[in-house]
Amino acid sequence: MLTAIITYSILLKTAWNQINAKPTTDTIVQWSIFVLIFLPIAVGLVLFGWLAMKGDYDRLPVSSEEMKDQV
């Protein structure tokens, strides 16, 4: 969970530095796409980490019969 937040903040910092170093349209579009594509990935990793810390993955079903009981 924390790794996703740190990694995404590094990506944002790198994008900011690259755009400031060369503020052309190509650079802005390229880094904006990187940031937008990796945002849902980072959110998913944060959500997965939060659920794992909460204990939702401690007991997973072994068979499909156990899945029918939970629904």
N, C-alpha and C. Protein backbone atom coordinates (compact mmCIF):
# COMPACT_ATOMS: atom_id res chain seq x y z
N MET A 1 0.83 -1.18 0.00
CA MET A 1 0.00 0.00 0.00
C MET A 1 0.88 1.25 0.00
N LEU A 2 1.80 1.29 0.91
CA LEU A 2 2.69 2.44 0.99
C LEU A 2 3.61 2.51 -0.22
N THR A 3 3.99 1.37 -0.76
CA THR A 3 4.86 1.33 -1.93
C THR A 3 4.18 1.98 -3.13
N ALA A 4 2.90 1.74 -3.31
CA ALA A 4 2.17 2.34 -4.43
C ALA A 4 2.13 3.86 -4.30
N ILE A 5 1.92 4.35 -3.10
CA ILE A 5 1.86 5.79 -2.88
C ILE A 5 3.22 6.43 -3.14
N ILE A 6 4.27 5.81 -2.63
CA ILE A 6 5.62 6.35 -2.82
C ILE A 6 6.01 6.31 -4.30
N THR A 7 5.72 5.20 -4.96
CA THR A 7 6.09 5.06 -6.37
C THR A 7 5.34 6.07 -7.23
N TYR A 8 4.06 6.26 -6.97
CA TYR A 8 3.30 7.23 -7.74
C TYR A 8 3.77 8.66 -7.48
N SER A 9 4.15 8.96 -6.26
CA SER A 9 4.67 10.30 -5.98
C SER A 9 6.01 10.53 -6.69
N ILE A 10 6.83 9.48 -6.80
CA ILE A 10 8.08 9.59 -7.56
C ILE A 10 7.78 9.83 -9.03
N LEU A 11 6.77 9.13 -9.56
CA LEU A 11 6.37 9.33 -10.95
C LEU A 11 5.90 10.77 -11.17
N LEU A 12 5.11 11.30 -10.24
CA LEU A 12 4.65 12.68 -10.37
C LEU A 12 5.80 13.67 -10.32
N LYS A 13 6.74 13.43 -9.41
CA LYS A 13 7.90 14.32 -9.30
C LYS A 13 8.74 14.28 -10.57
N THR A 14 8.95 13.08 -11.11
CA THR A 14 9.71 12.94 -12.35
C THR A 14 9.01 13.63 -13.51
N ALA A 15 7.69 13.45 -13.60
CA ALA A 15 6.93 14.10 -14.67
C ALA A 15 7.04 15.62 -14.55
N TRP A 16 6.91 16.13 -13.36
CA TRP A 16 7.01 17.58 -13.13
C TRP A 16 8.39 18.09 -13.54
N ASN A 17 9.44 17.38 -13.15
CA ASN A 17 10.80 17.81 -13.49
C ASN A 17 11.04 17.74 -14.99
N GLN A 18 10.57 16.70 -15.65
CA GLN A 18 10.76 16.57 -17.09
C GLN A 18 9.99 17.64 -17.86
N ILE A 19 8.79 17.94 -17.42
CA ILE A 19 8.00 18.98 -18.10
C ILE A 19 8.62 20.35 -17.89
N ASN A 20 9.14 20.61 -16.70
CA ASN A 20 9.81 21.88 -16.46
C ASN A 20 11.13 22.00 -17.20
N ALA A 21 11.83 20.89 -17.42
CA ALA A 21 13.11 20.92 -18.13
C ALA A 21 12.91 21.19 -19.62
N LYS A 22 11.84 20.63 -20.18
CA LYS A 22 11.57 20.79 -21.62
C LYS A 22 10.07 20.97 -21.82
N PRO A 23 9.57 22.19 -21.65
CA PRO A 23 8.12 22.41 -21.69
C PRO A 23 7.54 22.50 -23.11
N THR A 24 7.71 21.45 -23.88
CA THR A 24 7.10 21.40 -25.20
C THR A 24 5.82 20.56 -25.12
N THR A 25 5.03 20.65 -26.16
CA THR A 25 3.76 19.91 -26.19
C THR A 25 4.00 18.41 -26.13
N ASP A 26 5.03 17.93 -26.83
CA ASP A 26 5.32 16.50 -26.84
C ASP A 26 5.63 15.98 -25.44
N THR A 27 6.43 16.71 -24.71
CA THR A 27 6.81 16.29 -23.36
C THR A 27 5.60 16.32 -22.42
N ILE A 28 4.81 17.35 -22.53
CA ILE A 28 3.63 17.47 -21.66
C ILE A 28 2.65 16.34 -21.93
N VAL A 29 2.39 16.05 -23.19
CA VAL A 29 1.45 14.97 -23.54
C VAL A 29 1.99 13.62 -23.10
N GLN A 30 3.27 13.37 -23.34
CA GLN A 30 3.87 12.08 -22.97
C GLN A 30 3.78 11.83 -21.47
N TRP A 31 4.18 12.78 -20.66
CA TRP A 31 4.18 12.57 -19.21
C TRP A 31 2.77 12.61 -18.64
N SER A 32 1.87 13.35 -19.26
CA SER A 32 0.48 13.34 -18.81
C SER A 32 -0.15 11.96 -19.03
N ILE A 33 0.17 11.35 -20.16
CA ILE A 33 -0.34 10.00 -20.43
C ILE A 33 0.23 9.00 -19.43
N PHE A 34 1.53 9.09 -19.15
CA PHE A 34 2.13 8.20 -18.14
C PHE A 34 1.41 8.33 -16.80
N VAL A 35 1.21 9.56 -16.38
CA VAL A 35 0.59 9.81 -15.07
C VAL A 35 -0.84 9.29 -15.05
N LEU A 36 -1.60 9.54 -16.11
CA LEU A 36 -3.00 9.11 -16.15
C LEU A 36 -3.14 7.59 -16.24
N ILE A 37 -2.25 6.93 -16.96
CA ILE A 37 -2.35 5.48 -17.10
C ILE A 37 -1.99 4.78 -15.78
N PHE A 38 -1.01 5.29 -15.07
CA PHE A 38 -0.59 4.63 -13.84
C PHE A 38 -1.42 5.01 -12.62
N LEU A 39 -2.30 5.99 -12.73
CA LEU A 39 -3.16 6.36 -11.60
C LEU A 39 -4.09 5.23 -11.18
N PRO A 40 -4.86 4.59 -12.10
CA PRO A 40 -5.72 3.49 -11.64
C PRO A 40 -4.94 2.28 -11.13
N ILE A 41 -3.75 2.08 -11.66
CA ILE A 41 -2.91 0.98 -11.18
C ILE A 41 -2.51 1.25 -9.73
N ALA A 42 -2.09 2.47 -9.45
CA ALA A 42 -1.69 2.83 -8.08
C ALA A 42 -2.89 2.77 -7.13
N VAL A 43 -4.05 3.21 -7.58
CA VAL A 43 -5.24 3.15 -6.73
C VAL A 43 -5.60 1.70 -6.44
N GLY A 44 -5.50 0.83 -7.45
CA GLY A 44 -5.78 -0.59 -7.24
C GLY A 44 -4.82 -1.23 -6.26
N LEU A 45 -3.55 -0.86 -6.33
CA LEU A 45 -2.57 -1.41 -5.39
C LEU A 45 -2.82 -0.91 -3.97
N VAL A 46 -3.23 0.34 -3.83
CA VAL A 46 -3.56 0.88 -2.51
C VAL A 46 -4.77 0.15 -1.95
N LEU A 47 -5.78 -0.06 -2.78
CA LEU A 47 -6.98 -0.77 -2.34
C LEU A 47 -6.66 -2.21 -1.95
N PHE A 48 -5.85 -2.88 -2.76
CA PHE A 48 -5.45 -4.25 -2.44
C PHE A 48 -4.68 -4.30 -1.12
N GLY A 49 -3.76 -3.37 -0.91
CA GLY A 49 -3.00 -3.34 0.33
C GLY A 49 -3.87 -3.06 1.54
N TRP A 50 -4.84 -2.16 1.38
CA TRP A 50 -5.74 -1.84 2.48
C TRP A 50 -6.59 -3.06 2.85
N LEU A 51 -7.12 -3.76 1.84
CA LEU A 51 -7.93 -4.95 2.12
C LEU A 51 -7.07 -6.07 2.72
N ALA A 52 -5.83 -6.18 2.27
CA ALA A 52 -4.94 -7.20 2.84
C ALA A 52 -4.61 -6.90 4.30
N MET A 53 -4.39 -5.63 4.61
CA MET A 53 -4.10 -5.27 6.00
C MET A 53 -5.34 -5.45 6.88
N LYS A 54 -6.52 -5.27 6.29
CA LYS A 54 -7.77 -5.45 7.02
C LYS A 54 -8.05 -6.92 7.29
N GLY A 55 -7.44 -7.82 6.51
CA GLY A 55 -7.61 -9.25 6.74
C GLY A 55 -8.61 -9.93 5.82
N ASP A 56 -9.00 -9.28 4.75
CA ASP A 56 -9.98 -9.87 3.85
C ASP A 56 -9.44 -11.07 3.08
N TYR A 57 -8.14 -11.21 2.98
CA TYR A 57 -7.56 -12.32 2.23
C TYR A 57 -6.98 -13.41 3.13
N ASP A 58 -7.27 -13.36 4.41
CA ASP A 58 -6.75 -14.37 5.33
C ASP A 58 -7.35 -15.74 5.06
N ARG A 59 -8.60 -15.79 4.71
CA ARG A 59 -9.28 -17.07 4.45
C ARG A 59 -9.93 -16.98 3.09
N LEU A 60 -9.36 -17.67 2.10
CA LEU A 60 -9.91 -17.69 0.76
C LEU A 60 -10.64 -19.00 0.53
N PRO A 61 -11.70 -19.01 -0.28
CA PRO A 61 -12.42 -20.26 -0.54
C PRO A 61 -11.56 -21.24 -1.33
N VAL A 62 -11.73 -22.53 -1.01
CA VAL A 62 -10.96 -23.57 -1.67
C VAL A 62 -11.73 -24.17 -2.83
N SER A 63 -13.05 -24.27 -2.68
CA SER A 63 -13.87 -24.87 -3.73
C SER A 63 -15.00 -23.92 -4.12
N SER A 64 -15.66 -24.26 -5.21
CA SER A 64 -16.77 -23.44 -5.65
C SER A 64 -17.97 -23.57 -4.72
N GLU A 65 -18.06 -24.66 -3.98
CA GLU A 65 -19.15 -24.83 -3.01
C GLU A 65 -19.06 -23.77 -1.91
N GLU A 66 -17.86 -23.45 -1.49
CA GLU A 66 -17.70 -22.41 -0.47
C GLU A 66 -18.09 -21.06 -1.00
N MET A 67 -17.91 -20.82 -2.28
CA MET A 67 -18.31 -19.56 -2.87
C MET A 67 -19.83 -19.39 -2.87
N LYS A 68 -20.55 -20.48 -3.11
CA LYS A 68 -22.02 -20.41 -3.14
C LYS A 68 -22.57 -20.11 -1.75
N ASP A 69 -21.89 -20.58 -0.71
CA ASP A 69 -22.35 -20.32 0.65
C ASP A 69 -22.20 -18.85 1.03
N GLN A 70 -21.21 -18.18 0.49
CA GLN A 70 -20.93 -16.79 0.86
C GLN A 70 -21.83 -15.81 0.14
N VAL A 71 -22.42 -16.20 -0.96
CA VAL A 71 -23.25 -15.26 -1.74
C VAL A 71 -24.58 -15.10 -1.18
